[in-house]
PDB file of N, CA and C in Angstrom:
ATOM      1  N   UNK A   1     256.087 -77.700   1.759  1.00  0.00           N
ATOM      2  CA  UNK A   1     255.013 -76.923   2.508  1.00  0.00           C
ATOM      3  C   UNK A   1     254.657 -78.536   3.278  1.00  0.00           C
ATOM      4  N   UNK A   2     255.126 -79.186   3.406  1.00  0.00           N
ATOM      5  CA  UNK A   2     254.676 -80.363   5.115  1.00  0.00           C
ATOM      6  C   UNK A   2     255.321 -78.965   5.846  1.00  0.00           C
ATOM      7  N   UNK A   3     256.310 -77.916   6.247  1.00  0.00           N
ATOM      8  CA  UNK A   3     256.278 -77.135   7.525  1.00  0.00           C
ATOM      9  C   UNK A   3     255.469 -76.902   7.055  1.00  0.00           C
ATOM     10  N   UNK A   4     254.823 -75.911   6.227  1.00  0.00           N
ATOM     11  CA  UNK A   4     253.339 -74.937   5.975  1.00  0.00           C
ATOM     12  C   UNK A   4     252.357 -75.675   7.311  1.00  0.00           C
ATOM     13  N   UNK A   5     252.239 -77.301   6.635  1.00  0.00           N
ATOM     14  CA  UNK A   5     250.714 -77.982   6.949  1.00  0.00           C
ATOM     15  C   UNK A   5     251.209 -78.225   8.147  1.00  0.00           C
ATOM     16  N   UNK A   6     252.672 -78.186   9.104  1.00  0.00           N
ATOM     17  CA  UNK A   6     252.779 -78.580  10.452  1.00  0.00           C
ATOM     18  C   UNK A   6     252.218 -77.417  10.777  1.00  0.00           C
ATOM     19  N   UNK A   7     252.504 -76.289  10.716  1.00  0.00           N
ATOM     20  CA  UNK A   7     252.254 -74.952  11.029  1.00  0.00           C
ATOM     21  C   UNK A   7     251.281 -75.327  11.568  1.00  0.00           C
ATOM     22  N   UNK A   8     250.383 -75.739  10.554  1.00  0.00           N
ATOM     23  CA  UNK A   8     248.852 -75.127  10.573  1.00  0.00           C
ATOM     24  C   UNK A   8     248.320 -76.518  11.862  1.00  0.00           C
ATOM     25  N   UNK A   9     248.376 -77.574  11.981  1.00  0.00           N
ATOM     26  CA  UNK A   9     248.143 -78.340  12.845  1.00  0.00           C
ATOM     27  C   UNK A   9     249.452 -78.118  14.043  1.00  0.00           C
ATOM     28  N   UNK A  10     249.936 -76.985  14.387  1.00  0.00           N
ATOM     29  CA  UNK A  10     250.390 -76.494  15.196  1.00  0.00           C
ATOM     30  C   UNK A  10     248.784 -75.618  15.687  1.00  0.00           C
ATOM     31  N   UNK A  11     248.759 -74.959  14.986  1.00  0.00           N
ATOM     32  CA  UNK A  11     247.963 -73.722  15.216  1.00  0.00           C
ATOM     33  C   UNK A  11     246.578 -74.084  16.003  1.00  0.00           C
ATOM     34  N   UNK A  12     245.484 -74.864  14.878  1.00  0.00           N
ATOM     35  CA  UNK A  12     244.706 -75.782  15.215  1.00  0.00           C
ATOM     36  C   UNK A  12     244.587 -76.387  16.521  1.00  0.00           C
ATOM     37  N   UNK A  13     246.054 -77.228  16.912  1.00  0.00           N
ATOM     38  CA  UNK A  13     246.451 -77.787  18.090  1.00  0.00           C
ATOM     39  C   UNK A  13     246.055 -76.502  19.374  1.00  0.00           C
ATOM     40  N   UNK A  14     246.301 -75.964  18.767  1.00  0.00           N
ATOM     41  CA  UNK A  14     246.791 -74.255  19.858  1.00  0.00           C
ATOM     42  C   UNK A  14     245.088 -73.633  20.004  1.00  0.00           C
ATOM     43  N   UNK A  15     244.777 -73.442  19.498  1.00  0.00           N
ATOM     44  CA  UNK A  15     242.797 -73.397  19.012  1.00  0.00           C
ATOM     45  C   UNK A  15     241.664 -74.744  19.877  1.00  0.00           C
ATOM     46  N   UNK A  16     242.676 -75.493  20.248  1.00  0.00           N
ATOM     47  CA  UNK A  16     241.973 -76.554  20.540  1.00  0.00           C
ATOM     48  C   UNK A  16     241.906 -76.194  22.038  1.00  0.00           C
ATOM     49  N   UNK A  17     242.893 -75.701  23.117  1.00  0.00           N
ATOM     50  CA  UNK A  17     243.605 -75.870  23.487  1.00  0.00           C
ATOM     51  C   UNK A  17     243.015 -75.120  24.483  1.00  0.00           C
ATOM     52  N   UNK A  18     243.025 -73.591  23.925  1.00  0.00           N
ATOM     53  CA  UNK A  18     242.764 -72.985  24.288  1.00  0.00           C
ATOM     54  C   UNK A  18     240.707 -72.940  24.770  1.00  0.00           C
ATOM     55  N   UNK A  19     240.263 -73.504  23.620  1.00  0.00           N
ATOM     56  CA  UNK A  19     238.873 -73.959  23.315  1.00  0.00           C
ATOM     57  C   UNK A  19     238.520 -75.110  25.220  1.00  0.00           C
ATOM     58  N   UNK A  20     239.137 -75.990  24.670  1.00  0.00           N
ATOM     59  CA  UNK A  20     239.872 -76.583  26.143  1.00  0.00           C
ATOM     60  C   UNK A  20     239.146 -76.140  27.391  1.00  0.00           C
ATOM     61  N   UNK A  21     240.174 -75.238  27.646  1.00  0.00           N
ATOM     62  CA  UNK A  21     240.362 -74.522  29.043  1.00  0.00           C
ATOM     63  C   UNK A  21     239.590 -74.049  29.617  1.00  0.00           C
ATOM     64  N   UNK A  22     239.253 -73.457  28.166  1.00  0.00           N
ATOM     65  CA  UNK A  22     237.319 -72.475  28.739  1.00  0.00           C
ATOM     66  C   UNK A  22     236.490 -73.042  28.969  1.00  0.00           C
ATOM     67  N   UNK A  23     236.481 -74.712  27.700  1.00  0.00           N
ATOM     68  CA  UNK A  23     234.916 -75.269  28.283  1.00  0.00           C
ATOM     69  C   UNK A  23     235.544 -76.477  29.221  1.00  0.00           C
ATOM     70  N   UNK A  24     236.860 -76.480  29.832  1.00  0.00           N
ATOM     71  CA  UNK A  24     236.934 -77.541  30.718  1.00  0.00           C
ATOM     72  C   UNK A  24     236.950 -79.013  30.366  1.00  0.00           C
ATOM     73  N   UNK A  25     236.928 -79.189  28.854  1.00  0.00           N
ATOM     74  CA  UNK A  25     236.736 -80.318  28.382  1.00  0.00           C
ATOM     75  C   UNK A  25     237.904 -81.419  28.308  1.00  0.00           C
ATOM     76  N   UNK A  26     238.179 -82.490  28.858  1.00  0.00           N
ATOM     77  CA  UNK A  26     239.934 -82.811  29.050  1.00  0.00           C
ATOM     78  C   UNK A  26     240.054 -83.324  27.734  1.00  0.00           C
ATOM     79  N   UNK A  27     238.999 -84.084  27.312  1.00  0.00           N
ATOM     80  CA  UNK A  27     239.242 -85.261  24.981  1.00  0.00           C
ATOM     81  C   UNK A  27     239.989 -83.633  24.236  1.00  0.00           C
ATOM     82  N   UNK A  28     239.297 -83.847  24.819  1.00  0.00           N
ATOM     83  CA  UNK A  28     239.284 -81.496  23.339  1.00  0.00           C
ATOM     84  C   UNK A  28     240.652 -82.171  23.814  1.00  0.00           C
ATOM     85  N   UNK A  29     241.473 -81.284  25.192  1.00  0.00           N
ATOM     86  CA  UNK A  29     242.125 -80.467  25.296  1.00  0.00           C
ATOM     87  C   UNK A  29     243.503 -82.404  24.964  1.00  0.00           C
ATOM     88  N   UNK A  30     243.087 -83.084  25.584  1.00  0.00           N
ATOM     89  CA  UNK A  30     244.109 -84.816  24.254  1.00  0.00           C
ATOM     90  C   UNK A  30     244.137 -84.136  23.247  1.00  0.00           C
ATOM     91  N   UNK A  31     243.248 -83.925  22.354  1.00  0.00           N
ATOM     92  CA  UNK A  31     243.092 -84.238  21.127  1.00  0.00           C
ATOM     93  C   UNK A  31     243.932 -82.908  20.415  1.00  0.00           C
ATOM     94  N   UNK A  32     243.749 -81.908  21.060  1.00  0.00           N
ATOM     95  CA  UNK A  32     244.850 -80.161  21.518  1.00  0.00           C
ATOM     96  C   UNK A  32     246.421 -80.975  20.843  1.00  0.00           C
ATOM     97  N   UNK A  33     246.611 -81.082  22.223  1.00  0.00           N
ATOM     98  CA  UNK A  33     248.030 -82.135  22.209  1.00  0.00           C
ATOM     99  C   UNK A  33     248.484 -83.268  21.417  1.00  0.00           C
ATOM    100  N   UNK A  34     247.315 -84.149  20.602  1.00  0.00           N
ATOM    101  CA  UNK A  34     248.010 -84.514  19.585  1.00  0.00           C
ATOM    102  C   UNK A  34     248.461 -83.778  18.601  1.00  0.00           C
ATOM    103  N   UNK A  35     246.579 -83.163  18.317  1.00  0.00           N
ATOM    104  CA  UNK A  35     247.374 -82.500  16.816  1.00  0.00           C
ATOM    105  C   UNK A  35     248.640 -81.626  16.885  1.00  0.00           C
ATOM    106  N   UNK A  36     249.203 -80.512  18.739  1.00  0.00           N
ATOM    107  CA  UNK A  36     250.352 -79.955  18.252  1.00  0.00           C
ATOM    108  C   UNK A  36     252.278 -80.620  17.636  1.00  0.00           C
ATOM    109  N   UNK A  37     251.665 -82.174  18.570  1.00  0.00           N
ATOM    110  CA  UNK A  37     252.355 -82.919  17.882  1.00  0.00           C
ATOM    111  C   UNK A  37     252.979 -83.608  16.982  1.00  0.00           C
ATOM    112  N   UNK A  38     251.479 -83.130  15.906  1.00  0.00           N
ATOM    113  CA  UNK A  38     251.613 -84.483  14.876  1.00  0.00           C
ATOM    114  C   UNK A  38     252.358 -82.613  13.985  1.00  0.00           C
ATOM    115  N   UNK A  39     251.942 -81.851  14.525  1.00  0.00           N
ATOM    116  CA  UNK A  39     252.731 -80.250  14.313  1.00  0.00           C
ATOM    117  C   UNK A  39     253.676 -81.053  13.970  1.00  0.00           C
ATOM    118  N   UNK A  40     254.684 -81.141  14.670  1.00  0.00           N
ATOM    119  CA  UNK A  40     255.764 -81.219  15.170  1.00  0.00           C
ATOM    120  C   UNK A  40     255.684 -81.327  14.803  1.00  0.00           C
ATOM    121  N   UNK A  41     256.085 -82.912  14.124  1.00  0.00           N
ATOM    122  CA  UNK A  41     256.461 -83.976  13.561  1.00  0.00           C
ATOM    123  C   UNK A  41     256.595 -83.932  12.467  1.00  0.00           C
ATOM    124  N   UNK A  42     255.086 -82.842  11.614  1.00  0.00           N
ATOM    125  CA  UNK A  42     255.501 -82.745  10.873  1.00  0.00           C
ATOM    126  C   UNK A  42     256.865 -82.195  10.039  1.00  0.00           C
ATOM    127  N   UNK A  43     257.432 -81.193  10.343  1.00  0.00           N
ATOM    128  CA  UNK A  43     257.438 -79.877  10.677  1.00  0.00           C
ATOM    129  C   UNK A  43     259.219 -80.505  10.366  1.00  0.00           C
ATOM    130  N   UNK A  44     259.506 -81.520  11.295  1.00  0.00           N
ATOM    131  CA  UNK A  44     260.441 -82.166  11.517  1.00  0.00           C
ATOM    132  C   UNK A  44     261.391 -83.208   9.848  1.00  0.00           C
ATOM    133  N   UNK A  45     260.321 -83.426   9.585  1.00  0.00           N
ATOM    134  CA  UNK A  45     259.863 -84.743   9.454  1.00  0.00           C
ATOM    135  C   UNK A  45     260.326 -82.853   7.429  1.00  0.00           C
ATOM    136  N   UNK A  46     259.313 -82.027   6.992  1.00  0.00           N
ATOM    137  CA  UNK A  46     260.274 -81.527   6.053  1.00  0.00           C
ATOM    138  C   UNK A  46     261.102 -80.401   5.832  1.00  0.00           C
ATOM    139  N   UNK A  47     262.079 -80.462   7.149  1.00  0.00           N
ATOM    140  CA  UNK A  47     263.657 -79.460   7.798  1.00  0.00           C
ATOM    141  C   UNK A  47     263.524 -78.704   8.263  1.00  0.00           C
ATOM    142  N   UNK A  48     261.437 -78.059   8.489  1.00  0.00           N
ATOM    143  CA  UNK A  48     260.961 -76.617   8.798  1.00  0.00           C
ATOM    144  C   UNK A  48     261.447 -75.626   8.265  1.00  0.00           C
ATOM    145  N   UNK A  49     260.502 -74.549   8.530  1.00  0.00           N
ATOM    146  CA  UNK A  49     261.695 -73.137   6.914  1.00  0.00           C
ATOM    147  C   UNK A  49     262.458 -72.808   7.153  1.00  0.00           C
ATOM    148  N   UNK A  50     262.761 -72.338   6.045  1.00  0.00           N
ATOM    149  CA  UNK A  50     264.231 -71.819   5.397  1.00  0.00           C
ATOM    150  C   UNK A  50     264.183 -71.394   4.985  1.00  0.00           C
ATOM    151  N   UNK A  51     264.526 -70.092   4.363  1.00  0.00           N
ATOM    152  CA  UNK A  51     264.747 -69.059   3.736  1.00  0.00           C
ATOM    153  C   UNK A  51     264.913 -68.864   3.366  1.00  0.00           C
ATOM    154  N   UNK A  52     266.264 -68.673   4.405  1.00  0.00           N
ATOM    155  CA  UNK A  52     267.327 -68.692   3.785  1.00  0.00           C
ATOM    156  C   UNK A  52     268.717 -69.794   3.000  1.00  0.00           C
ATOM    157  N   UNK A  53     268.012 -71.621   3.007  1.00  0.00           N
ATOM    158  CA  UNK A  53     268.284 -72.209   2.286  1.00  0.00           C
ATOM    159  C   UNK A  53     269.313 -72.997   3.756  1.00  0.00           C
ATOM    160  N   UNK A  54     270.570 -72.988   2.808  1.00  0.00           N
ATOM    161  CA  UNK A  54     271.395 -74.075   3.901  1.00  0.00           C
ATOM    162  C   UNK A  54     271.944 -72.708   4.717  1.00  0.00           C
ATOM    163  N   UNK A  55     272.422 -71.547   4.554  1.00  0.00           N
ATOM    164  CA  UNK A  55     273.435 -70.682   4.757  1.00  0.00           C
ATOM    165  C   UNK A  55     274.392 -70.964   6.419  1.00  0.00           C
ATOM    166  N   UNK A  56     273.321 -71.415   7.199  1.00  0.00           N
ATOM    167  CA  UNK A  56     273.595 -71.902   8.249  1.00  0.00           C
ATOM    168  C   UNK A  56     274.647 -72.410   8.827  1.00  0.00           C
ATOM    169  N   UNK A  57     275.414 -73.559   7.652  1.00  0.00           N
ATOM    170  CA  UNK A  57     275.825 -74.734   7.521  1.00  0.00           C
ATOM    171  C   UNK A  57     277.676 -73.933   7.068  1.00  0.00           C
ATOM    172  N   UNK A  58     277.586 -72.522   6.436  1.00  0.00           N
ATOM    173  CA  UNK A  58     278.602 -71.976   5.968  1.00  0.00           C
ATOM    174  C   UNK A  58     279.217 -71.233   6.905  1.00  0.00           C
ATOM    175  N   UNK A  59     279.422 -71.300   8.235  1.00  0.00           N
ATOM    176  CA  UNK A  59     280.356 -71.146   9.171  1.00  0.00           C
ATOM    177  C   UNK A  59     280.377 -71.124  10.232  1.00  0.00           C
TER     178      UNK A  59
END
C-alpha cells in the first residue's frame, strides 16, 4: 500500500510543480518538491512495487 501512496504523492507533486511553473508561484514550487520527496521516501520504505516478487535475487 505504501508504494501506491508514494506514487500518488509523486504525481501530486508533479502536478503542483506544473501549476507553479505556469503561475510563477515559488511557494507552490517548493511545496511540490516536498511532496515529491515525501513520495520517494514512502516508496523506499515500502520496498517499491515488485509484481514478480524477489525474482531479481535469483540471478
